[in-house]
Amino acid sequence: MHAKEQPDVGGKSLKKSDKHFYFKLFLSTFQLSAFTFGGGYVIVPLMRRRFVDQLNWIEEKEMLDFTAIAQSSPGAMAVDASVVLGYHLAGIPGALVAVLGPVLPPLILLSFISIGYNAFISNVVIQNVLRGMTAGVCAMIIDVVLDMGCSVLKQKSVLSVLIMAGAFIAVTIFQVNVVLVILTCVLVGLIRSKKASQQEGPHALS
């Protein structure tokens, strides 16, 4: 098994080693968007399988970081995650290429559906298909939650586990606004980073 190649600033080493880098980036994000139903966290395991397991472009921890950034940003999850991924790999050109992939499939599909929307939505077959897809999406979201939760537990960080459990309880039981939960987590993360940098300072001087 080959070690993963870490791209330098702007992803230059990655682009040099793969002549079809931009085409693969566009095609990968396009396929993920075209064959993914439900959006949101449904796309996370598919992105991880493609970019972490198959292409070896990023680490699993980076995928979790991208997911957190995408969820905290306005807009569709798939688009936000693709933009962050593209920018991480190849700067602004990578972000521009990556944003086209997840946007084009729904744009094309909805353009056709809008022409005959009434006939489409009232079709019994279509309604049953959508019900079945809804059940499948729920199962995939549960799988993503369990997978991401296990990844947090593997870090063996008490604070990370407490944040995860606290956020779940706040949203599920106490119905706290998700925006407030995200802002609180951001604040905790900033405090944590500041304390870590202060602790590294004296060690660096010594």
C-alpha atoms as a PDB file:
ATOM      1  CA  MET A   1       0.000   0.000   0.000  1.00  0.00           C
ATOM      2  CA  HIS A   2       1.489   3.319  -1.022  1.00  0.00           C
ATOM      3  CA  ALA A   3       1.703   6.185   1.432  1.00  0.00           C
ATOM      4  CA  LYS A   4      -0.593   9.089   0.761  1.00  0.00           C
ATOM      5  CA  GLU A   5       1.029  12.009  -0.977  1.00  0.00           C
ATOM      6  CA  GLN A   6       0.420  15.248   0.853  1.00  0.00           C
ATOM      7  CA  PRO A   7      -0.003  18.198  -1.507  1.00  0.00           C
ATOM      8  CA  ASP A   8       2.004  21.298  -0.720  1.00  0.00           C
ATOM      9  CA  VAL A   9       0.646  24.842  -0.785  1.00  0.00           C
ATOM     10  CA  GLY A  10      -1.828  25.092  -3.646  1.00  0.00           C
ATOM     11  CA  GLY A  11      -1.688  21.342  -4.279  1.00  0.00           C
ATOM     12  CA  LYS A  12       1.213  21.731  -6.755  1.00  0.00           C
ATOM     13  CA  SER A  13       2.828  18.372  -6.070  1.00  0.00           C
ATOM     14  CA  LEU A  14      -0.519  16.615  -6.448  1.00  0.00           C
ATOM     15  CA  LYS A  15      -1.238  18.312  -9.784  1.00  0.00           C
ATOM     16  CA  LYS A  16       2.239  17.516 -11.093  1.00  0.00           C
ATOM     17  CA  SER A  17       1.880  13.842 -10.217  1.00  0.00           C
ATOM     18  CA  ASP A  18      -1.563  13.549 -11.828  1.00  0.00           C
ATOM     19  CA  LYS A  19      -2.000  15.151 -15.263  1.00  0.00           C
ATOM     20  CA  HIS A  20      -5.759  14.590 -15.140  1.00  0.00           C
ATOM     21  CA  PHE A  21      -6.166  16.103 -11.676  1.00  0.00           C
ATOM     22  CA  TYR A  22      -8.767  18.744 -12.566  1.00  0.00           C
ATOM     23  CA  PHE A  23     -10.756  16.326 -14.716  1.00  0.00           C
ATOM     24  CA  LYS A  24     -10.817  13.748 -11.894  1.00  0.00           C
ATOM     25  CA  LEU A  25     -11.838  16.434  -9.402  1.00  0.00           C
ATOM     26  CA  PHE A  26     -14.716  17.619 -11.574  1.00  0.00           C
ATOM     27  CA  LEU A  27     -15.852  14.125 -12.562  1.00  0.00           C
ATOM     28  CA  SER A  28     -15.754  12.886  -8.963  1.00  0.00           C
ATOM     29  CA  THR A  29     -17.843  15.737  -7.575  1.00  0.00           C
ATOM     30  CA  PHE A  30     -20.205  15.536 -10.569  1.00  0.00           C
ATOM     31  CA  GLN A  31     -20.808  11.807 -10.060  1.00  0.00           C
ATOM     32  CA  LEU A  32     -21.299  12.202  -6.306  1.00  0.00           C
ATOM     33  CA  SER A  33     -23.942  14.849  -6.883  1.00  0.00           C
ATOM     34  CA  ALA A  34     -25.635  13.035  -9.779  1.00  0.00           C
ATOM     35  CA  PHE A  35     -26.034   9.710  -7.991  1.00  0.00           C
ATOM     36  CA  THR A  36     -26.668  10.922  -4.442  1.00  0.00           C
ATOM     37  CA  PHE A  37     -30.214  11.395  -3.186  1.00  0.00           C
ATOM     38  CA  GLY A  38     -31.033  13.250   0.003  1.00  0.00           C
ATOM     39  CA  GLY A  39     -28.092  15.652   0.100  1.00  0.00           C
ATOM     40  CA  GLY A  40     -26.597  16.789   3.375  1.00  0.00           C
ATOM     41  CA  TYR A  41     -24.678  14.157   5.295  1.00  0.00           C
ATOM     42  CA  VAL A  42     -25.576  11.471   2.776  1.00  0.00           C
ATOM     43  CA  ILE A  43     -22.723  12.666   0.581  1.00  0.00           C
ATOM     44  CA  VAL A  44     -20.103  12.489   3.364  1.00  0.00           C
ATOM     45  CA  PRO A  45     -19.403   8.716   3.268  1.00  0.00           C
ATOM     46  CA  LEU A  46     -19.350   8.791  -0.534  1.00  0.00           C
ATOM     47  CA  MET A  47     -16.841  11.655  -0.561  1.00  0.00           C
ATOM     48  CA  ARG A  48     -14.705   9.861   1.987  1.00  0.00           C
ATOM     49  CA  ARG A  49     -14.750   6.639  -0.034  1.00  0.00           C
ATOM     50  CA  ARG A  50     -13.777   8.529  -3.188  1.00  0.00           C
ATOM     51  CA  PHE A  51     -11.204  11.052  -1.961  1.00  0.00           C
ATOM     52  CA  VAL A  52      -9.798   9.241   1.086  1.00  0.00           C
ATOM     53  CA  ASP A  53      -9.959   5.542   0.218  1.00  0.00           C
ATOM     54  CA  GLN A  54      -9.738   5.499  -3.588  1.00  0.00           C
ATOM     55  CA  LEU A  55      -7.794   8.591  -4.669  1.00  0.00           C
ATOM     56  CA  ASN A  56      -5.816   9.058  -1.413  1.00  0.00           C
ATOM     57  CA  TRP A  57      -5.970  12.826  -1.822  1.00  0.00           C
ATOM     58  CA  ILE A  58      -6.849  13.651   1.785  1.00  0.00           C
ATOM     59  CA  GLU A  59      -6.795  12.065   5.248  1.00  0.00           C
ATOM     60  CA  GLU A  60      -9.914  10.943   7.087  1.00  0.00           C
ATOM     61  CA  LYS A  61      -9.413  13.638   9.741  1.00  0.00           C
ATOM     62  CA  GLU A  62      -9.330  16.272   7.010  1.00  0.00           C
ATOM     63  CA  MET A  63     -12.624  14.912   5.660  1.00  0.00           C
ATOM     64  CA  LEU A  64     -14.192  15.406   9.088  1.00  0.00           C
ATOM     65  CA  ASP A  65     -12.811  18.944   9.218  1.00  0.00           C
ATOM     66  CA  PHE A  66     -14.239  19.724   5.778  1.00  0.00           C
ATOM     67  CA  THR A  67     -17.610  18.351   6.890  1.00  0.00           C
ATOM     68  CA  ALA A  68     -17.626  20.602   9.939  1.00  0.00           C
ATOM     69  CA  ILE A  69     -16.720  23.653   7.839  1.00  0.00           C
ATOM     70  CA  ALA A  70     -19.359  22.823   5.213  1.00  0.00           C
ATOM     71  CA  GLN A  71     -22.066  22.326   7.842  1.00  0.00           C
ATOM     72  CA  SER A  72     -21.185  25.648   9.471  1.00  0.00           C
ATOM     73  CA  SER A  73     -21.393  27.519   6.161  1.00  0.00           C
ATOM     74  CA  PRO A  74     -24.540  28.686   4.348  1.00  0.00           C
ATOM     75  CA  GLY A  75     -25.586  26.742   1.289  1.00  0.00           C
ATOM     76  CA  ALA A  76     -25.884  23.118   0.234  1.00  0.00           C
ATOM     77  CA  MET A  77     -23.686  20.651   2.098  1.00  0.00           C
ATOM     78  CA  ALA A  78     -22.386  18.966  -1.058  1.00  0.00           C
ATOM     79  CA  VAL A  79     -21.415  22.275  -2.663  1.00  0.00           C
ATOM     80  CA  ASP A  80     -19.742  23.659   0.456  1.00  0.00           C
ATOM     81  CA  ALA A  81     -17.758  20.469   1.067  1.00  0.00           C
ATOM     82  CA  SER A  82     -16.661  20.315  -2.580  1.00  0.00           C
ATOM     83  CA  VAL A  83     -15.501  23.943  -2.542  1.00  0.00           C
ATOM     84  CA  VAL A  84     -13.477  23.432   0.641  1.00  0.00           C
ATOM     85  CA  LEU A  85     -11.973  20.243  -0.765  1.00  0.00           C
ATOM     86  CA  GLY A  86     -11.112  21.858  -4.101  1.00  0.00           C
ATOM     87  CA  TYR A  87      -9.536  24.889  -2.442  1.00  0.00           C
ATOM     88  CA  HIS A  88      -7.502  22.672  -0.113  1.00  0.00           C
ATOM     89  CA  LEU A  89      -6.160  20.650  -3.019  1.00  0.00           C
ATOM     90  CA  ALA A  90      -5.571  23.330  -5.661  1.00  0.00           C
ATOM     91  CA  GLY A  91      -6.447  26.776  -4.353  1.00  0.00           C
ATOM     92  CA  ILE A  92      -8.981  28.969  -6.173  1.00  0.00           C
ATOM     93  CA  PRO A  93      -8.798  27.019  -9.491  1.00  0.00           C
ATOM     94  CA  GLY A  94      -9.557  23.824  -7.594  1.00  0.00           C
ATOM     95  CA  ALA A  95     -12.499  25.447  -5.805  1.00  0.00           C
ATOM     96  CA  LEU A  96     -13.944  26.712  -9.103  1.00  0.00           C
ATOM     97  CA  VAL A  97     -13.660  23.292 -10.712  1.00  0.00           C
ATOM     98  CA  ALA A  98     -15.073  21.520  -7.663  1.00  0.00           C
ATOM     99  CA  VAL A  99     -18.105  23.819  -7.403  1.00  0.00           C
ATOM    100  CA  LEU A 100     -19.250  22.986 -10.942  1.00  0.00           C
ATOM    101  CA  GLY A 101     -19.494  19.264 -10.239  1.00  0.00           C
ATOM    102  CA  PRO A 102     -22.196  19.261  -7.532  1.00  0.00           C
ATOM    103  CA  VAL A 103     -24.128  22.185  -9.060  1.00  0.00           C
ATOM    104  CA  LEU A 104     -24.654  20.907 -12.616  1.00  0.00           C
ATOM    105  CA  PRO A 105     -26.622  17.653 -11.966  1.00  0.00           C
ATOM    106  CA  PRO A 106     -29.443  19.215  -9.886  1.00  0.00           C
ATOM    107  CA  LEU A 107     -29.517  22.236 -12.209  1.00  0.00           C
ATOM    108  CA  ILE A 108     -30.028  20.009 -15.261  1.00  0.00           C
ATOM    109  CA  LEU A 109     -32.488  17.679 -13.538  1.00  0.00           C
ATOM    110  CA  LEU A 110     -34.631  20.418 -12.006  1.00  0.00           C
ATOM    111  CA  SER A 111     -34.738  22.247 -15.327  1.00  0.00           C
ATOM    112  CA  PHE A 112     -36.378  19.207 -16.923  1.00  0.00           C
ATOM    113  CA  ILE A 113     -38.685  18.538 -13.967  1.00  0.00           C
ATOM    114  CA  SER A 114     -39.898  22.139 -13.881  1.00  0.00           C
ATOM    115  CA  ILE A 115     -41.251  21.775 -17.427  1.00  0.00           C
ATOM    116  CA  GLY A 116     -43.783  19.145 -16.398  1.00  0.00           C
ATOM    117  CA  TYR A 117     -43.799  19.546 -12.629  1.00  0.00           C
ATOM    118  CA  ASN A 118     -47.533  18.927 -12.090  1.00  0.00           C
ATOM    119  CA  ALA A 119     -47.522  15.669 -14.048  1.00  0.00           C
ATOM    120  CA  PHE A 120     -44.290  14.594 -12.381  1.00  0.00           C
ATOM    121  CA  ILE A 121     -45.318  15.206  -8.785  1.00  0.00           C
ATOM    122  CA  SER A 122     -48.800  13.668  -9.177  1.00  0.00           C
ATOM    123  CA  ASN A 123     -47.495  10.435 -10.703  1.00  0.00           C
ATOM    124  CA  VAL A 124     -48.131   7.491  -8.365  1.00  0.00           C
ATOM    125  CA  VAL A 125     -44.933   5.714  -9.403  1.00  0.00           C
ATOM    126  CA  ILE A 126     -42.846   8.817  -8.682  1.00  0.00           C
ATOM    127  CA  GLN A 127     -44.490   9.229  -5.264  1.00  0.00           C
ATOM    128  CA  ASN A 128     -43.677   5.633  -4.300  1.00  0.00           C
ATOM    129  CA  VAL A 129     -40.113   6.010  -5.543  1.00  0.00           C
ATOM    130  CA  LEU A 130     -39.663   9.126  -3.401  1.00  0.00           C
ATOM    131  CA  ARG A 131     -41.031   7.311  -0.333  1.00  0.00           C
ATOM    132  CA  GLY A 132     -38.561   4.498  -0.850  1.00  0.00           C
ATOM    133  CA  MET A 133     -35.707   6.952  -1.337  1.00  0.00           C
ATOM    134  CA  THR A 134     -36.667   8.726   1.888  1.00  0.00           C
ATOM    135  CA  ALA A 135     -36.296   5.492   3.856  1.00  0.00           C
ATOM    136  CA  GLY A 136     -32.931   4.804   2.243  1.00  0.00           C
ATOM    137  CA  VAL A 137     -31.698   8.323   2.974  1.00  0.00           C
ATOM    138  CA  CYS A 138     -32.609   7.941   6.657  1.00  0.00           C
ATOM    139  CA  ALA A 139     -30.556   4.742   6.847  1.00  0.00           C
ATOM    140  CA  MET A 140     -27.560   6.424   5.208  1.00  0.00           C
ATOM    141  CA  ILE A 141     -27.740   9.404   7.570  1.00  0.00           C
ATOM    142  CA  ILE A 142     -27.765   7.055  10.574  1.00  0.00           C
ATOM    143  CA  ASP A 143     -24.712   5.300   9.133  1.00  0.00           C
ATOM    144  CA  VAL A 144     -22.904   8.641   8.710  1.00  0.00           C
ATOM    145  CA  VAL A 145     -23.726   9.696  12.284  1.00  0.00           C
ATOM    146  CA  LEU A 146     -22.391   6.418  13.695  1.00  0.00           C
ATOM    147  CA  ASP A 147     -19.287   6.564  11.517  1.00  0.00           C
ATOM    148  CA  MET A 148     -18.441  10.162  12.424  1.00  0.00           C
ATOM    149  CA  GLY A 149     -19.176   9.463  16.085  1.00  0.00           C
ATOM    150  CA  CYS A 150     -16.730   6.537  16.056  1.00  0.00           C
ATOM    151  CA  SER A 151     -14.106   8.776  14.448  1.00  0.00           C
ATOM    152  CA  VAL A 152     -14.477  11.261  17.319  1.00  0.00           C
ATOM    153  CA  LEU A 153     -14.206   8.460  19.884  1.00  0.00           C
ATOM    154  CA  LYS A 154     -11.015   7.188  18.222  1.00  0.00           C
ATOM    155  CA  GLN A 155      -9.376  10.536  18.974  1.00  0.00           C
ATOM    156  CA  LYS A 156      -9.601   9.627  22.679  1.00  0.00           C
ATOM    157  CA  SER A 157     -10.248  13.255  23.580  1.00  0.00           C
ATOM    158  CA  VAL A 158     -12.574  13.747  26.525  1.00  0.00           C
ATOM    159  CA  LEU A 159     -13.406  17.309  25.460  1.00  0.00           C
ATOM    160  CA  SER A 160     -14.346  16.212  21.916  1.00  0.00           C
ATOM    161  CA  VAL A 161     -16.638  13.503  23.285  1.00  0.00           C
ATOM    162  CA  LEU A 162     -18.268  15.966  25.687  1.00  0.00           C
ATOM    163  CA  ILE A 163     -18.818  18.476  22.871  1.00  0.00           C
ATOM    164  CA  MET A 164     -20.387  15.790  20.681  1.00  0.00           C
ATOM    165  CA  ALA A 165     -22.672  14.526  23.458  1.00  0.00           C
ATOM    166  CA  GLY A 166     -23.561  18.035  24.597  1.00  0.00           C
ATOM    167  CA  ALA A 167     -24.456  19.174  21.090  1.00  0.00           C
ATOM    168  CA  PHE A 168     -26.637  16.089  20.561  1.00  0.00           C
ATOM    169  CA  ILE A 169     -28.499  16.587  23.842  1.00  0.00           C
ATOM    170  CA  ALA A 170     -28.931  20.331  23.280  1.00  0.00           C
ATOM    171  CA  VAL A 171     -30.458  19.882  19.814  1.00  0.00           C
ATOM    172  CA  THR A 172     -32.430  16.666  20.383  1.00  0.00           C
ATOM    173  CA  ILE A 173     -33.796  17.097  23.911  1.00  0.00           C
ATOM    174  CA  PHE A 174     -33.765  20.820  24.607  1.00  0.00           C
ATOM    175  CA  GLN A 175     -34.458  21.919  21.015  1.00  0.00           C
ATOM    176  CA  VAL A 176     -31.648  24.489  21.062  1.00  0.00           C
ATOM    177  CA  ASN A 177     -31.135  26.352  17.794  1.00  0.00           C
ATOM    178  CA  VAL A 178     -28.436  24.673  15.706  1.00  0.00           C
ATOM    179  CA  VAL A 179     -26.782  28.031  15.008  1.00  0.00           C
ATOM    180  CA  LEU A 180     -26.244  28.588  18.735  1.00  0.00           C
ATOM    181  CA  VAL A 181     -24.790  25.100  19.098  1.00  0.00           C
ATOM    182  CA  ILE A 182     -22.369  25.678  16.228  1.00  0.00           C
ATOM    183  CA  LEU A 183     -21.278  29.068  17.584  1.00  0.00           C
ATOM    184  CA  THR A 184     -20.733  27.548  21.019  1.00  0.00           C
ATOM    185  CA  CYS A 185     -18.597  24.772  19.517  1.00  0.00           C
ATOM    186  CA  VAL A 186     -16.596  27.367  17.584  1.00  0.00           C
ATOM    187  CA  LEU A 187     -15.982  29.319  20.793  1.00  0.00           C
ATOM    188  CA  VAL A 188     -14.878  26.172  22.630  1.00  0.00           C
ATOM    189  CA  GLY A 189     -12.562  25.316  19.753  1.00  0.00           C
ATOM    190  CA  LEU A 190     -10.986  28.787  19.800  1.00  0.00           C
ATOM    191  CA  ILE A 191     -10.399  28.608  23.554  1.00  0.00           C
ATOM    192  CA  ARG A 192      -8.933  25.140  23.158  1.00  0.00           C
ATOM    193  CA  SER A 193      -6.571  26.298  20.405  1.00  0.00           C
ATOM    194  CA  LYS A 194      -5.479  29.333  22.421  1.00  0.00           C
ATOM    195  CA  LYS A 195      -4.645  27.199  25.459  1.00  0.00           C
ATOM    196  CA  ALA A 196      -2.750  24.725  23.284  1.00  0.00           C
ATOM    197  CA  SER A 197      -0.670  27.517  21.718  1.00  0.00           C
ATOM    198  CA  GLN A 198       0.093  28.957  25.154  1.00  0.00           C
ATOM    199  CA  GLN A 199       1.284  25.562  26.341  1.00  0.00           C
ATOM    200  CA  GLU A 200       3.470  25.083  23.270  1.00  0.00           C
ATOM    201  CA  GLY A 201       5.020  28.540  23.695  1.00  0.00           C
ATOM    202  CA  PRO A 202       7.101  27.795  26.816  1.00  0.00           C
ATOM    203  CA  HIS A 203       8.209  24.434  25.376  1.00  0.00           C
ATOM    204  CA  ALA A 204       9.333  26.109  22.168  1.00  0.00           C
ATOM    205  CA  LEU A 205      11.404  28.645  24.101  1.00  0.00           C
ATOM    206  CA  SER A 206      13.031  25.937  26.184  1.00  0.00           C
END
